[in-house]
């Protein structure tokens, strides 16, 4: 069993990943993709340039992803004690049982296709569990304190006076210049009285328009960047000038400088991003300190295009299981 990946860190402890295990991990990923894409895109989708991205075909991209995942999982395992993460005897027993079930559920031919052995399946499930728990532990070290000021989401109501018309064929076309001038005049008249209107939305309806609610901050780009910039400078209750856009004329009223619900949702989003960044940063730091050597000649012998894969009930975690199958 040739060694496929060797990782040596600053403390000189070497981590070796066998070709047998690397092949199994790759084939399990292949099975998941085959079950979704093979029937839609045909047998050649792995190497068909039509599905290439960033200069790499599907096979190259997924194999790169598998290698990265294996490297990450082995480094996470090495640093478990740093975060107090353990795999208990009960966990090991559950992993063994799940692996036995996997081996039992699949035919000898299917197991051969993915290079499965009891040892490899247990190792796969073990590393999946390590990854899940380490990700949670590392993410938990991120700063979760987010102020209202940092997450503040304002709220506006806006009206678009459209300069587009839709034909019977459903296609949208520009109005004539004269028609656009009429629409602009309507938007200007609306803007003059909008600030004093008791209810912006009701006032919009009265002139045959429709108001849309939008929570936003300075990073918002939809529906129109110029509209957002104009509204972001206003105080509560103020109305923008008429904002010209490719699709018509916008007028908006700022109804709140801090929408509570939207701000709280933004806080959750910021915390989630911080946790993700923390996890990615730690993993990146470990990899940077590790000399990783991949035996490319051996790894390149794995071809998804030459071998379709079909397996049942691949288990991603000791607590839950899901199906991965293919053509």
Protein backbone atom coordinates (compact mmCIF):
# COMPACT_ATOMS: atom_id res chain seq x y z
CA UNK A 1 0.00 0.00 0.00
CA UNK A 2 1.97 2.99 -1.24
CA UNK A 3 2.06 6.08 0.89
CA UNK A 4 0.05 8.80 -0.85
CA UNK A 5 0.41 11.80 1.46
CA UNK A 6 3.17 12.58 3.95
CA UNK A 7 2.84 15.53 6.31
CA UNK A 8 5.70 16.65 8.52
CA UNK A 9 5.21 19.52 10.98
CA UNK A 10 7.67 21.74 12.81
CA UNK A 11 7.98 19.18 15.59
CA UNK A 12 9.09 16.62 12.96
CA UNK A 13 6.23 14.22 13.72
CA UNK A 14 5.33 12.62 10.40
CA UNK A 15 1.76 11.83 9.41
CA UNK A 16 1.35 9.30 6.63
CA UNK A 17 -1.82 8.63 4.68
CA UNK A 18 -1.93 5.43 2.65
CA UNK A 19 -3.03 5.26 -0.94
CA UNK A 20 -5.68 2.72 0.05
CA UNK A 21 -7.38 5.13 2.42
CA UNK A 22 -6.98 8.11 0.08
CA UNK A 23 -8.53 6.10 -2.74
CA UNK A 24 -11.48 5.10 -0.54
CA UNK A 25 -12.10 8.71 0.53
CA UNK A 26 -11.98 9.79 -3.13
CA UNK A 27 -14.35 7.04 -4.28
CA UNK A 28 -16.90 7.90 -1.60
CA UNK A 29 -16.92 11.48 -2.90
CA UNK A 30 -17.21 10.18 -6.45
CA UNK A 31 -20.23 8.09 -5.48
CA UNK A 32 -22.01 11.15 -4.13
CA UNK A 33 -21.43 13.11 -7.34
CA UNK A 34 -22.26 10.19 -9.62
CA UNK A 35 -25.61 9.74 -7.90
CA UNK A 36 -26.55 13.33 -8.75
CA UNK A 37 -24.82 14.19 -12.01
CA UNK A 38 -24.21 11.03 -14.03
CA UNK A 39 -27.81 10.58 -15.16
CA UNK A 40 -28.06 14.24 -16.19
CA UNK A 41 -24.70 14.98 -17.78
CA UNK A 42 -23.58 11.60 -19.08
CA UNK A 43 -20.63 9.35 -18.36
CA UNK A 44 -18.02 11.87 -19.48
CA UNK A 45 -18.95 14.71 -17.12
CA UNK A 46 -15.85 14.14 -15.00
CA UNK A 47 -13.48 15.09 -17.83
CA UNK A 48 -15.76 17.05 -20.17
CA UNK A 49 -14.30 20.55 -20.60
CA UNK A 50 -17.84 21.96 -20.75
CA UNK A 51 -18.04 21.53 -16.97
CA UNK A 52 -14.53 22.82 -16.25
CA UNK A 53 -14.05 25.65 -13.78
CA UNK A 54 -10.93 27.75 -13.20
CA UNK A 55 -9.04 25.65 -15.72
CA UNK A 56 -9.82 22.35 -14.00
CA UNK A 57 -12.30 19.68 -15.01
CA UNK A 58 -14.64 18.10 -12.47
CA UNK A 59 -12.31 15.20 -11.72
CA UNK A 60 -9.34 17.47 -11.04
CA UNK A 61 -11.40 19.81 -8.86
CA UNK A 62 -12.97 17.06 -6.75
CA UNK A 63 -9.71 15.16 -6.33
CA UNK A 64 -8.03 18.38 -5.18
CA UNK A 65 -10.89 18.88 -2.72
CA UNK A 66 -10.50 15.32 -1.41
CA UNK A 67 -6.79 15.83 -0.81
CA UNK A 68 -7.40 19.10 0.99
CA UNK A 69 -10.06 17.47 3.15
CA UNK A 70 -7.81 14.55 4.08
CA UNK A 71 -4.95 16.88 4.98
CA UNK A 72 -7.24 19.02 7.12
CA UNK A 73 -8.78 16.06 8.94
CA UNK A 74 -5.42 14.51 9.81
CA UNK A 75 -4.14 17.83 11.15
CA UNK A 76 -7.34 18.33 13.14
CA UNK A 77 -6.82 14.90 14.67
CA UNK A 78 -3.28 15.83 15.65
CA UNK A 79 -4.48 18.96 17.48
CA UNK A 80 -7.46 17.44 19.30
CA UNK A 81 -5.82 17.79 22.71
CA UNK A 82 -5.33 21.53 22.10
CA UNK A 83 -9.10 21.94 22.22
CA UNK A 84 -10.03 19.19 24.65
CA UNK A 85 -11.74 17.13 21.96
CA UNK A 86 -12.03 13.39 22.57
CA UNK A 87 -13.44 10.37 20.80
CA UNK A 88 -14.80 8.16 23.58
CA UNK A 89 -15.08 4.39 23.75
CA UNK A 90 -18.80 4.80 23.13
CA UNK A 91 -17.99 6.82 20.01
CA UNK A 92 -15.58 4.15 18.84
CA UNK A 93 -18.20 1.46 19.35
CA UNK A 94 -20.75 3.48 17.34
CA UNK A 95 -18.21 4.03 14.58
CA UNK A 96 -17.38 0.34 14.43
CA UNK A 97 -21.07 -0.59 14.28
CA UNK A 98 -21.74 1.93 11.51
CA UNK A 99 -18.76 0.63 9.53
CA UNK A 100 -19.94 -2.96 9.91
CA UNK A 101 -23.37 -1.88 8.67
CA UNK A 102 -21.80 -0.21 5.64
CA UNK A 103 -19.81 -3.34 4.82
CA UNK A 104 -22.92 -5.47 5.25
CA UNK A 105 -25.20 -3.23 3.17
CA UNK A 106 -22.94 -3.29 0.12
CA UNK A 107 -22.05 -6.14 -2.20
CA UNK A 108 -18.50 -7.39 -2.57
CA UNK A 109 -18.43 -5.82 -6.03
CA UNK A 110 -19.53 -2.41 -4.69
CA UNK A 111 -17.01 -2.57 -1.86
CA UNK A 112 -14.28 -3.38 -4.36
CA UNK A 113 -15.33 -0.41 -6.51
CA UNK A 114 -14.70 2.01 -3.66
CA UNK A 115 -11.77 0.11 -2.16
CA UNK A 116 -13.63 -0.32 1.10
CA UNK A 117 -12.34 -2.33 4.04
CA UNK A 118 -13.60 -2.35 7.60
CA UNK A 119 -10.45 -0.46 8.60
CA UNK A 120 -10.87 2.27 5.96
CA UNK A 121 -14.57 2.77 6.68
CA UNK A 122 -13.91 3.07 10.42
CA UNK A 123 -11.08 5.50 9.75
CA UNK A 124 -13.30 7.57 7.47
CA UNK A 125 -16.09 7.78 10.05
CA UNK A 126 -13.62 8.52 12.82
CA UNK A 127 -12.11 11.46 10.92
CA UNK A 128 -15.56 12.77 10.00
CA UNK A 129 -16.42 12.82 13.70
CA UNK A 130 -13.11 14.48 14.60
CA UNK A 131 -13.66 17.15 11.97
CA UNK A 132 -17.18 17.93 13.16
CA UNK A 133 -16.17 18.25 16.81
CA UNK A 134 -12.97 20.16 16.14
CA UNK A 135 -14.80 22.60 13.91
CA UNK A 136 -17.28 23.26 16.71
CA UNK A 137 -14.50 23.63 19.29
CA UNK A 138 -12.37 25.96 17.17
CA UNK A 139 -15.37 28.02 16.07
CA UNK A 140 -16.35 28.47 19.70
CA UNK A 141 -13.17 30.50 20.27
CA UNK A 142 -14.35 33.26 17.93
CA UNK A 143 -15.50 36.59 19.35
CA UNK A 144 -19.32 36.56 19.52
CA UNK A 145 -19.80 40.09 20.82
CA UNK A 146 -21.33 42.28 18.11
CA UNK A 147 -22.57 45.79 18.86
CA UNK A 148 -25.70 47.37 17.44
CA UNK A 149 -23.49 49.93 15.74
CA UNK A 150 -21.49 47.26 13.89
CA UNK A 151 -24.56 45.33 12.75
CA UNK A 152 -26.99 48.23 12.32
CA UNK A 153 -29.56 47.71 9.60
CA UNK A 154 -31.64 50.66 8.48
CA UNK A 155 -35.06 50.39 6.90
CA UNK A 156 -36.49 52.22 3.92
CA UNK A 157 -39.57 52.12 1.77
CA UNK A 158 -38.95 52.76 -1.89
CA UNK A 159 -40.94 53.14 -5.09
CA UNK A 160 -39.69 52.40 -8.58
CA UNK A 161 -41.33 54.34 -11.38
CA UNK A 162 -40.40 51.96 -14.16
CA UNK A 163 -39.40 53.00 -17.67
CA UNK A 164 -39.75 49.46 -18.99
CA UNK A 165 -42.73 47.90 -20.71
CA UNK A 166 -43.47 44.21 -21.02
CA UNK A 167 -44.86 42.87 -24.26
CA UNK A 168 -47.23 39.97 -24.80
CA UNK A 169 -44.18 37.78 -25.39
CA UNK A 170 -42.96 38.54 -21.88
CA UNK A 171 -39.93 40.50 -23.08
CA UNK A 172 -39.04 43.84 -21.47
CA UNK A 173 -38.27 46.89 -23.61
CA UNK A 174 -37.44 50.54 -22.96
CA UNK A 175 -40.11 53.21 -23.19
CA UNK A 176 -39.73 56.01 -25.72
CA UNK A 177 -37.98 59.20 -24.61
CA UNK A 178 -41.30 61.02 -24.36
CA UNK A 179 -42.75 58.25 -22.19
CA UNK A 180 -39.66 58.28 -19.97
CA UNK A 181 -40.07 62.05 -19.53
CA UNK A 182 -43.63 61.52 -18.34
CA UNK A 183 -42.52 58.87 -15.86
CA UNK A 184 -39.77 61.13 -14.55
CA UNK A 185 -42.27 63.95 -14.04
CA UNK A 186 -44.52 61.56 -12.10
CA UNK A 187 -41.57 60.53 -9.90
CA UNK A 188 -40.63 64.16 -9.25
CA UNK A 189 -44.20 65.08 -8.29
CA UNK A 190 -44.34 62.10 -5.98
CA UNK A 191 -41.02 63.01 -4.37
CA UNK A 192 -42.16 66.56 -3.57
CA UNK A 193 -45.05 65.37 -1.40
CA UNK A 194 -43.66 62.05 -0.12
CA UNK A 195 -41.89 63.49 2.93
CA UNK A 196 -45.07 65.06 4.28
CA UNK A 197 -47.23 62.03 3.55
CA UNK A 198 -48.48 60.35 6.72
CA UNK A 199 -47.91 56.89 5.24
CA UNK A 200 -45.38 56.53 2.39
CA UNK A 201 -46.81 53.20 1.26
CA UNK A 202 -50.42 54.41 1.21
CA UNK A 203 -49.37 57.56 -0.62
CA UNK A 204 -47.57 55.45 -3.24
CA UNK A 205 -50.69 53.37 -3.79
CA UNK A 206 -52.76 56.52 -4.22
CA UNK A 207 -50.67 57.58 -7.22
CA UNK A 208 -50.75 54.12 -8.78
CA UNK A 209 -47.36 53.00 -7.54
CA UNK A 210 -46.26 50.32 -5.09
CA UNK A 211 -43.86 50.72 -2.15
CA UNK A 212 -41.36 48.04 -1.20
CA UNK A 213 -39.82 47.59 2.27
CA UNK A 214 -36.05 47.11 2.41
CA UNK A 215 -33.59 46.79 5.28
CA UNK A 216 -30.08 47.87 4.31
CA UNK A 217 -26.63 49.07 5.30
CA UNK A 218 -23.80 50.72 3.39
CA UNK A 219 -22.77 47.38 1.87
CA UNK A 220 -26.16 46.71 0.31
CA UNK A 221 -26.18 46.86 -3.48
CA UNK A 222 -29.74 45.85 -4.44
CA UNK A 223 -31.96 47.13 -5.93
CA UNK A 224 -29.70 50.04 -6.92
CA UNK A 225 -26.38 51.22 -5.49
CA UNK A 226 -27.11 54.92 -6.03
CA UNK A 227 -30.40 54.54 -4.19
CA UNK A 228 -28.65 52.87 -1.24
CA UNK A 229 -25.96 55.57 -1.09
CA UNK A 230 -28.57 58.33 -1.13
CA UNK A 231 -30.75 56.72 1.56
CA UNK A 232 -27.73 55.90 3.75
CA UNK A 233 -27.03 59.65 4.14
CA UNK A 234 -30.51 60.52 5.38
CA UNK A 235 -32.05 60.83 8.80
CA UNK A 236 -35.17 58.96 9.83
CA UNK A 237 -38.24 60.29 8.01
CA UNK A 238 -36.28 61.95 5.20
CA UNK A 239 -36.85 61.23 1.51
CA UNK A 240 -34.26 60.84 -1.23
CA UNK A 241 -34.15 62.89 -4.38
CA UNK A 242 -35.34 61.15 -7.53
CA UNK A 243 -32.67 58.55 -8.32
CA UNK A 244 -32.29 57.76 -12.01
CA UNK A 245 -31.51 54.17 -12.95
CA UNK A 246 -31.45 52.03 -16.09
CA UNK A 247 -34.88 50.63 -15.28
CA UNK A 248 -36.60 53.80 -14.10
CA UNK A 249 -36.68 56.34 -11.27
CA UNK A 250 -36.45 55.52 -7.55
CA UNK A 251 -37.75 57.50 -4.61
CA UNK A 252 -37.23 56.22 -1.06
CA UNK A 253 -38.05 57.21 2.51
CA UNK A 254 -35.92 56.15 5.48
CA UNK A 255 -38.33 54.84 8.11
CA UNK A 256 -35.82 53.58 10.69
CA UNK A 257 -32.12 54.01 11.40
CA UNK A 258 -32.05 50.70 13.28
CA UNK A 259 -34.46 47.94 12.42
CA UNK A 260 -34.33 45.61 15.44
CA UNK A 261 -35.13 42.32 13.76
CA UNK A 262 -32.87 42.90 10.77
CA UNK A 263 -30.03 44.08 13.01
CA UNK A 264 -30.28 41.01 15.22
CA UNK A 265 -30.26 38.80 12.12
CA UNK A 266 -27.17 40.64 10.88
CA UNK A 267 -25.48 40.02 14.23
CA UNK A 268 -26.08 36.29 13.80
CA UNK A 269 -24.61 36.49 10.31
CA UNK A 270 -21.51 38.33 11.56
CA UNK A 271 -20.96 35.79 14.35
CA UNK A 272 -21.39 32.92 11.91
CA UNK A 273 -18.84 34.45 9.57
CA UNK A 274 -16.40 35.04 12.44
CA UNK A 275 -16.68 31.39 13.45
CA UNK A 276 -16.08 30.24 9.91
CA UNK A 277 -13.12 32.60 9.53
CA UNK A 278 -11.66 31.41 12.85
CA UNK A 279 -11.84 27.78 11.79
CA UNK A 280 -10.40 28.44 8.33
CA UNK A 281 -7.63 30.61 9.79
CA UNK A 282 -6.50 27.96 12.29
CA UNK A 283 -6.50 25.20 9.67
CA UNK A 284 -4.59 27.43 7.26
CA UNK A 285 -2.00 28.21 9.96
CA UNK A 286 -1.43 24.53 10.67
CA UNK A 287 -1.03 23.71 7.00
CA UNK A 288 1.40 26.57 6.55
CA UNK A 289 3.60 25.09 9.29
CA UNK A 290 3.40 21.62 7.75
CA UNK A 291 5.48 20.23 4.90
CA UNK A 292 2.95 18.29 2.83
CA UNK A 293 4.17 15.94 0.12
CA UNK A 294 1.74 14.23 -2.23
CA UNK A 295 2.88 11.32 -4.42
CA UNK A 296 1.27 12.66 -7.57
CA UNK A 297 2.16 9.68 -9.77
CA UNK A 298 0.26 7.38 -7.45
CA UNK A 299 -2.62 9.79 -6.90
CA UNK A 300 -3.02 10.34 -10.64
CA UNK A 301 -3.77 6.65 -11.16
CA UNK A 302 -7.25 7.28 -9.69
CA UNK A 303 -9.65 8.05 -12.53
CA UNK A 304 -13.30 8.79 -11.88
CA UNK A 305 -14.04 8.75 -15.60
CA UNK A 306 -12.97 5.12 -15.99
CA UNK A 307 -14.99 3.75 -13.11
CA UNK A 308 -18.57 4.43 -12.09
CA UNK A 309 -19.25 3.94 -8.38
CA UNK A 310 -22.36 2.66 -6.62
CA UNK A 311 -22.56 2.29 -2.84
CA UNK A 312 -25.32 2.39 -0.24
CA UNK A 313 -25.54 4.21 3.09
CA UNK A 314 -22.24 6.00 3.41
CA UNK A 315 -22.17 7.46 6.91
CA UNK A 316 -20.92 11.01 7.33
CA UNK A 317 -21.16 11.00 11.11
CA UNK A 318 -21.67 8.47 13.88
CA UNK A 319 -24.95 10.15 14.81
CA UNK A 320 -26.55 10.30 11.35
CA UNK A 321 -26.28 8.47 8.05
CA UNK A 322 -27.13 9.33 4.50
CA UNK A 323 -27.21 7.56 1.17
CA UNK A 324 -24.58 7.93 -1.54
CA UNK A 325 -25.23 6.03 -4.73
CA UNK A 326 -24.55 6.35 -8.43
CA UNK A 327 -25.25 4.96 -11.80
